[in-house]
Structure formats: structure tokens, C-alpha cells
Amino acid sequence: MTYDEVKRFLHKKIIVTDIDGNRIKGIFTNTVSEYDTSSGKEEIELDAGKVFYGIPLDEIKDIIEIK
């Protein structure tokens, strides 16, 4: 996905499905530049409660907002 496709979910509770079919639920808190990540890719930051995940934009298949 691109930044323009994900930015509408910023600060919302979501479920992210990655290209491998894994699903992670949490709050989309931020985007992180490719210069600041270990993967070298632009990522979203997802707060899943006790853990923060960095998920590269190009590995996100789908995002669903939880209302």
C-alpha cells in the first residue's frame, strides 16, 4: 500500500493484513521514514498494546478499521 492509501487510518484502531496473511490488531500511531527503520522501507507504526510493530507499507495487503 502507499502512504496516501493508509493515512486515513492514522490514530484509529485497525486490523492490518500483511502479504503473508498475518493479521495484527492495534492503533496506527505513526509512519516512519525509510531512513529511520531497520528494514530500509517506509513503515507504519502499530501499537498492539504491549508491543509496537513496524510494518513496511509495501508488505501491507489490507487495512480494516475497527469501529
PDB file of N, CA and C in Angstrom:
ATOM      1  N   MET A   1       0.845  -1.174   0.000  1.00  0.00           N
ATOM      2  CA  MET A   1       0.000   0.000   0.000  1.00  0.00           C
ATOM      3  C   MET A   1       0.892   1.240   0.000  1.00  0.00           C
ATOM      4  N   THR A   2       0.307   2.346  -0.342  1.00  0.00           N
ATOM      5  CA  THR A   2       1.039   3.609  -0.355  1.00  0.00           C
ATOM      6  C   THR A   2       0.645   4.447   0.856  1.00  0.00           C
ATOM      7  N   TYR A   3       1.434   5.492   1.109  1.00  0.00           N
ATOM      8  CA  TYR A   3       1.121   6.406   2.209  1.00  0.00           C
ATOM      9  C   TYR A   3      -0.268   7.010   2.029  1.00  0.00           C
ATOM     10  N   ASP A   4      -0.605   7.413   0.809  1.00  0.00           N
ATOM     11  CA  ASP A   4      -1.914   8.020   0.550  1.00  0.00           C
ATOM     12  C   ASP A   4      -3.061   7.060   0.860  1.00  0.00           C
ATOM     13  N   GLU A   5      -2.841   5.766   0.684  1.00  0.00           N
ATOM     14  CA  GLU A   5      -3.876   4.773   0.969  1.00  0.00           C
ATOM     15  C   GLU A   5      -4.045   4.514   2.464  1.00  0.00           C
ATOM     16  N   VAL A   6      -2.990   4.675   3.250  1.00  0.00           N
ATOM     17  CA  VAL A   6      -3.067   4.354   4.675  1.00  0.00           C
ATOM     18  C   VAL A   6      -3.295   5.558   5.579  1.00  0.00           C
ATOM     19  N   LYS A   7      -3.025   6.765   5.112  1.00  0.00           N
ATOM     20  CA  LYS A   7      -3.053   7.935   6.001  1.00  0.00           C
ATOM     21  C   LYS A   7      -4.422   8.197   6.620  1.00  0.00           C
ATOM     22  N   ARG A   8      -5.492   7.763   5.986  1.00  0.00           N
ATOM     23  CA  ARG A   8      -6.840   7.996   6.547  1.00  0.00           C
ATOM     24  C   ARG A   8      -7.099   7.159   7.803  1.00  0.00           C
ATOM     25  N   PHE A   9      -6.249   6.153   8.053  1.00  0.00           N
ATOM     26  CA  PHE A   9      -6.394   5.299   9.228  1.00  0.00           C
ATOM     27  C   PHE A   9      -5.564   5.777  10.421  1.00  0.00           C
ATOM     28  N   LEU A  10      -4.789   6.844  10.248  1.00  0.00           N
ATOM     29  CA  LEU A  10      -3.913   7.344  11.298  1.00  0.00           C
ATOM     30  C   LEU A  10      -4.700   7.639  12.571  1.00  0.00           C
ATOM     31  N   HIS A  11      -4.199   7.158  13.708  1.00  0.00           N
ATOM     32  CA  HIS A  11      -4.787   7.325  15.047  1.00  0.00           C
ATOM     33  C   HIS A  11      -6.100   6.567  15.217  1.00  0.00           C
ATOM     34  N   LYS A  12      -6.326   5.557  14.405  1.00  0.00           N
ATOM     35  CA  LYS A  12      -7.537   4.736  14.511  1.00  0.00           C
ATOM     36  C   LYS A  12      -7.149   3.303  14.846  1.00  0.00           C
ATOM     37  N   LYS A  13      -8.112   2.581  15.440  1.00  0.00           N
ATOM     38  CA  LYS A  13      -7.912   1.171  15.745  1.00  0.00           C
ATOM     39  C   LYS A  13      -8.167   0.378  14.467  1.00  0.00           C
ATOM     40  N   ILE A  14      -7.199  -0.465  14.084  1.00  0.00           N
ATOM     41  CA  ILE A  14      -7.273  -1.162  12.799  1.00  0.00           C
ATOM     42  C   ILE A  14      -6.814  -2.615  12.926  1.00  0.00           C
ATOM     43  N   ILE A  15      -7.114  -3.383  11.888  1.00  0.00           N
ATOM     44  CA  ILE A  15      -6.531  -4.705  11.697  1.00  0.00           C
ATOM     45  C   ILE A  15      -5.757  -4.644  10.390  1.00  0.00           C
ATOM     46  N   VAL A  16      -4.469  -4.965  10.456  1.00  0.00           N
ATOM     47  CA  VAL A  16      -3.605  -4.966   9.275  1.00  0.00           C
ATOM     48  C   VAL A  16      -3.403  -6.413   8.831  1.00  0.00           C
ATOM     49  N   THR A  17      -3.602  -6.669   7.549  1.00  0.00           N
ATOM     50  CA  THR A  17      -3.276  -7.966   6.960  1.00  0.00           C
ATOM     51  C   THR A  17      -2.055  -7.765   6.075  1.00  0.00           C
ATOM     52  N   ASP A  18      -1.008  -8.558   6.342  1.00  0.00           N
ATOM     53  CA  ASP A  18       0.201  -8.412   5.526  1.00  0.00           C
ATOM     54  C   ASP A  18       0.178  -9.369   4.333  1.00  0.00           C
ATOM     55  N   ILE A  19       1.210  -9.308   3.509  1.00  0.00           N
ATOM     56  CA  ILE A  19       1.240 -10.100   2.278  1.00  0.00           C
ATOM     57  C   ILE A  19       1.341 -11.602   2.542  1.00  0.00           C
ATOM     58  N   ASP A  20       1.698 -11.994   3.774  1.00  0.00           N
ATOM     59  CA  ASP A  20       1.757 -13.409   4.143  1.00  0.00           C
ATOM     60  C   ASP A  20       0.459 -13.896   4.780  1.00  0.00           C
ATOM     61  N   GLY A  21      -0.532 -12.997   4.923  1.00  0.00           N
ATOM     62  CA  GLY A  21      -1.813 -13.365   5.512  1.00  0.00           C
ATOM     63  C   GLY A  21      -1.879 -13.198   7.017  1.00  0.00           C
ATOM     64  N   ASN A  22      -0.813 -12.702   7.648  1.00  0.00           N
ATOM     65  CA  ASN A  22      -0.822 -12.447   9.093  1.00  0.00           C
ATOM     66  C   ASN A  22      -1.680 -11.225   9.386  1.00  0.00           C
ATOM     67  N   ARG A  23      -2.404 -11.273  10.504  1.00  0.00           N
ATOM     68  CA  ARG A  23      -3.241 -10.142  10.911  1.00  0.00           C
ATOM     69  C   ARG A  23      -2.780  -9.633  12.264  1.00  0.00           C
ATOM     70  N   ILE A  24      -2.686  -8.305  12.360  1.00  0.00           N
ATOM     71  CA  ILE A  24      -2.272  -7.659  13.604  1.00  0.00           C
ATOM     72  C   ILE A  24      -3.261  -6.548  13.905  1.00  0.00           C
ATOM     73  N   LYS A  25      -3.767  -6.549  15.150  1.00  0.00           N
ATOM     74  CA  LYS A  25      -4.731  -5.534  15.573  1.00  0.00           C
ATOM     75  C   LYS A  25      -4.037  -4.530  16.471  1.00  0.00           C
ATOM     76  N   GLY A  26      -4.336  -3.244  16.258  1.00  0.00           N
ATOM     77  CA  GLY A  26      -3.757  -2.211  17.097  1.00  0.00           C
ATOM     78  C   GLY A  26      -4.151  -0.829  16.635  1.00  0.00           C
ATOM     79  N   ILE A  27      -3.514   0.174  17.212  1.00  0.00           N
ATOM     80  CA  ILE A  27      -3.764   1.570  16.854  1.00  0.00           C
ATOM     81  C   ILE A  27      -2.615   2.060  15.984  1.00  0.00           C
ATOM     82  N   PHE A  28      -2.965   2.585  14.827  1.00  0.00           N
ATOM     83  CA  PHE A  28      -1.989   3.126  13.875  1.00  0.00           C
ATOM     84  C   PHE A  28      -1.545   4.475  14.424  1.00  0.00           C
ATOM     85  N   THR A  29      -0.312   4.528  14.950  1.00  0.00           N
ATOM     86  CA  THR A  29       0.148   5.723  15.653  1.00  0.00           C
ATOM     87  C   THR A  29       1.014   6.660  14.830  1.00  0.00           C
ATOM     88  N   ASN A  30       1.690   6.126  13.790  1.00  0.00           N
ATOM     89  CA  ASN A  30       2.663   6.964  13.092  1.00  0.00           C
ATOM     90  C   ASN A  30       3.137   6.281  11.818  1.00  0.00           C
ATOM     91  N   THR A  31       3.754   7.068  10.942  1.00  0.00           N
ATOM     92  CA  THR A  31       4.524   6.496   9.835  1.00  0.00           C
ATOM     93  C   THR A  31       5.991   6.819  10.106  1.00  0.00           C
ATOM     94  N   VAL A  32       6.865   5.937   9.644  1.00  0.00           N
ATOM     95  CA  VAL A  32       8.292   6.097   9.893  1.00  0.00           C
ATOM     96  C   VAL A  32       9.027   6.064   8.557  1.00  0.00           C
ATOM     97  N   SER A  33       9.901   7.028   8.359  1.00  0.00           N
ATOM     98  CA  SER A  33      10.684   7.152   7.131  1.00  0.00           C
ATOM     99  C   SER A  33      11.587   5.945   6.917  1.00  0.00           C
ATOM    100  N   GLU A  34      11.849   5.639   5.666  1.00  0.00           N
ATOM    101  CA  GLU A  34      12.761   4.530   5.338  1.00  0.00           C
ATOM    102  C   GLU A  34      14.165   4.756   5.889  1.00  0.00           C
ATOM    103  N   TYR A  35      14.517   6.003   6.189  1.00  0.00           N
ATOM    104  CA  TYR A  35      15.835   6.321   6.737  1.00  0.00           C
ATOM    105  C   TYR A  35      15.942   5.986   8.224  1.00  0.00           C
ATOM    106  N   ASP A  36      14.795   5.801   8.884  1.00  0.00           N
ATOM    107  CA  ASP A  36      14.780   5.554  10.325  1.00  0.00           C
ATOM    108  C   ASP A  36      14.377   4.131  10.700  1.00  0.00           C
ATOM    109  N   THR A  37      14.269   3.226   9.725  1.00  0.00           N
ATOM    110  CA  THR A  37      13.837   1.859  10.009  1.00  0.00           C
ATOM    111  C   THR A  37      14.948   0.858   9.716  1.00  0.00           C
ATOM    112  N   SER A  38      14.900  -0.261  10.414  1.00  0.00           N
ATOM    113  CA  SER A  38      15.903  -1.309  10.176  1.00  0.00           C
ATOM    114  C   SER A  38      15.669  -2.023   8.850  1.00  0.00           C
ATOM    115  N   SER A  39      14.417  -1.992   8.363  1.00  0.00           N
ATOM    116  CA  SER A  39      14.108  -2.658   7.092  1.00  0.00           C
ATOM    117  C   SER A  39      14.543  -1.834   5.887  1.00  0.00           C
ATOM    118  N   GLY A  40      14.756  -0.533   6.110  1.00  0.00           N
ATOM    119  CA  GLY A  40      15.098   0.351   4.996  1.00  0.00           C
ATOM    120  C   GLY A  40      13.902   0.724   4.149  1.00  0.00           C
ATOM    121  N   LYS A  41      12.697   0.465   4.686  1.00  0.00           N
ATOM    122  CA  LYS A  41      11.454   0.767   3.971  1.00  0.00           C
ATOM    123  C   LYS A  41      10.594   1.693   4.824  1.00  0.00           C
ATOM    124  N   GLU A  42       9.726   2.472   4.172  1.00  0.00           N
ATOM    125  CA  GLU A  42       8.771   3.288   4.914  1.00  0.00           C
ATOM    126  C   GLU A  42       7.783   2.350   5.602  1.00  0.00           C
ATOM    127  N   GLU A  43       7.513   2.604   6.887  1.00  0.00           N
ATOM    128  CA  GLU A  43       6.669   1.717   7.679  1.00  0.00           C
ATOM    129  C   GLU A  43       5.571   2.482   8.395  1.00  0.00           C
ATOM    130  N   ILE A  44       4.516   1.737   8.769  1.00  0.00           N
ATOM    131  CA  ILE A  44       3.553   2.275   9.718  1.00  0.00           C
ATOM    132  C   ILE A  44       3.949   1.737  11.088  1.00  0.00           C
ATOM    133  N   GLU A  45       3.632   2.494  12.123  1.00  0.00           N
ATOM    134  CA  GLU A  45       3.866   2.055  13.490  1.00  0.00           C
ATOM    135  C   GLU A  45       2.512   1.683  14.071  1.00  0.00           C
ATOM    136  N   LEU A  46       2.413   0.461  14.588  1.00  0.00           N
ATOM    137  CA  LEU A  46       1.155  -0.055  15.109  1.00  0.00           C
ATOM    138  C   LEU A  46       1.329  -0.404  16.580  1.00  0.00           C
ATOM    139  N   ASP A  47       0.532   0.244  17.450  1.00  0.00           N
ATOM    140  CA  ASP A  47       0.555  -0.019  18.887  1.00  0.00           C
ATOM    141  C   ASP A  47      -0.433  -1.145  19.172  1.00  0.00           C
ATOM    142  N   ALA A  48       0.097  -2.333  19.479  1.00  0.00           N
ATOM    143  CA  ALA A  48      -0.748  -3.501  19.735  1.00  0.00           C
ATOM    144  C   ALA A  48      -0.918  -3.759  21.232  1.00  0.00           C
ATOM    145  N   GLY A  49      -0.703  -2.759  22.048  1.00  0.00           N
ATOM    146  CA  GLY A  49      -0.859  -2.909  23.487  1.00  0.00           C
ATOM    147  C   GLY A  49       0.486  -2.954  24.177  1.00  0.00           C
ATOM    148  N   LYS A  50       1.059  -4.142  24.307  1.00  0.00           N
ATOM    149  CA  LYS A  50       2.359  -4.294  24.961  1.00  0.00           C
ATOM    150  C   LYS A  50       3.517  -4.194  23.982  1.00  0.00           C
ATOM    151  N   VAL A  51       3.219  -4.242  22.686  1.00  0.00           N
ATOM    152  CA  VAL A  51       4.255  -4.268  21.655  1.00  0.00           C
ATOM    153  C   VAL A  51       3.931  -3.256  20.562  1.00  0.00           C
ATOM    154  N   PHE A  52       4.974  -2.592  20.043  1.00  0.00           N
ATOM    155  CA  PHE A  52       4.831  -1.739  18.863  1.00  0.00           C
ATOM    156  C   PHE A  52       5.395  -2.499  17.672  1.00  0.00           C
ATOM    157  N   TYR A  53       4.647  -2.520  16.581  1.00  0.00           N
ATOM    158  CA  TYR A  53       5.103  -3.172  15.355  1.00  0.00           C
ATOM    159  C   TYR A  53       5.419  -2.121  14.309  1.00  0.00           C
ATOM    160  N   GLY A  54       6.479  -2.354  13.551  1.00  0.00           N
ATOM    161  CA  GLY A  54       6.787  -1.558  12.371  1.00  0.00           C
ATOM    162  C   GLY A  54       6.498  -2.419  11.161  1.00  0.00           C
ATOM    163  N   ILE A  55       5.516  -2.030  10.366  1.00  0.00           N
ATOM    164  CA  ILE A  55       5.103  -2.837   9.218  1.00  0.00           C
ATOM    165  C   ILE A  55       5.374  -2.048   7.944  1.00  0.00           C
ATOM    166  N   PRO A  56       6.256  -2.559   7.076  1.00  0.00           N
ATOM    167  CA  PRO A  56       6.557  -1.850   5.832  1.00  0.00           C
ATOM    168  C   PRO A  56       5.307  -1.655   4.965  1.00  0.00           C
ATOM    169  N   LEU A  57       5.171  -0.472   4.397  1.00  0.00           N
ATOM    170  CA  LEU A  57       4.000  -0.167   3.569  1.00  0.00           C
ATOM    171  C   LEU A  57       3.839  -1.148   2.417  1.00  0.00           C
ATOM    172  N   ASP A  58       4.949  -1.557   1.808  1.00  0.00           N
ATOM    173  CA  ASP A  58       4.839  -2.450   0.654  1.00  0.00           C
ATOM    174  C   ASP A  58       4.521  -3.896   1.034  1.00  0.00           C
ATOM    175  N   GLU A  59       4.424  -4.178   2.345  1.00  0.00           N
ATOM    176  CA  GLU A  59       4.053  -5.516   2.803  1.00  0.00           C
ATOM    177  C   GLU A  59       2.640  -5.559   3.371  1.00  0.00           C
ATOM    178  N   ILE A  60       1.910  -4.443   3.282  1.00  0.00           N
ATOM    179  CA  ILE A  60       0.533  -4.388   3.762  1.00  0.00           C
ATOM    180  C   ILE A  60      -0.405  -4.716   2.611  1.00  0.00           C
ATOM    181  N   LYS A  61      -1.215  -5.747   2.827  1.00  0.00           N
ATOM    182  CA  LYS A  61      -2.186  -6.164   1.809  1.00  0.00           C
ATOM    183  C   LYS A  61      -3.516  -5.440   1.994  1.00  0.00           C
ATOM    184  N   ASP A  62      -3.941  -5.292   3.271  1.00  0.00           N
ATOM    185  CA  ASP A  62      -5.256  -4.710   3.544  1.00  0.00           C
ATOM    186  C   ASP A  62      -5.274  -4.103   4.946  1.00  0.00           C
ATOM    187  N   ILE A  63      -6.110  -3.083   5.115  1.00  0.00           N
ATOM    188  CA  ILE A  63      -6.350  -2.480   6.426  1.00  0.00           C
ATOM    189  C   ILE A  63      -7.852  -2.345   6.611  1.00  0.00           C
ATOM    190  N   ILE A  64      -8.328  -2.784   7.782  1.00  0.00           N
ATOM    191  CA  ILE A  64      -9.742  -2.661   8.133  1.00  0.00           C
ATOM    192  C   ILE A  64      -9.832  -1.838   9.410  1.00  0.00           C
ATOM    193  N   GLU A  65     -10.684  -0.820   9.404  1.00  0.00           N
ATOM    194  CA  GLU A  65     -10.890  -0.009  10.608  1.00  0.00           C
ATOM    195  C   GLU A  65     -11.866  -0.715  11.534  1.00  0.00           C
ATOM    196  N   ILE A  66     -11.544  -0.716  12.830  1.00  0.00           N
ATOM    197  CA  ILE A  66     -12.428  -1.265  13.852  1.00  0.00           C
ATOM    198  C   ILE A  66     -13.189  -0.101  14.463  1.00  0.00           C
ATOM    199  N   LYS A  67     -14.483  -0.171  14.434  1.00  0.00           N
ATOM    200  CA  LYS A  67     -15.301   0.925  14.980  1.00  0.00           C
ATOM    201  C   LYS A  67     -15.855   0.571  16.328  1.00  0.00           C
TER     202      LYS A  67
END
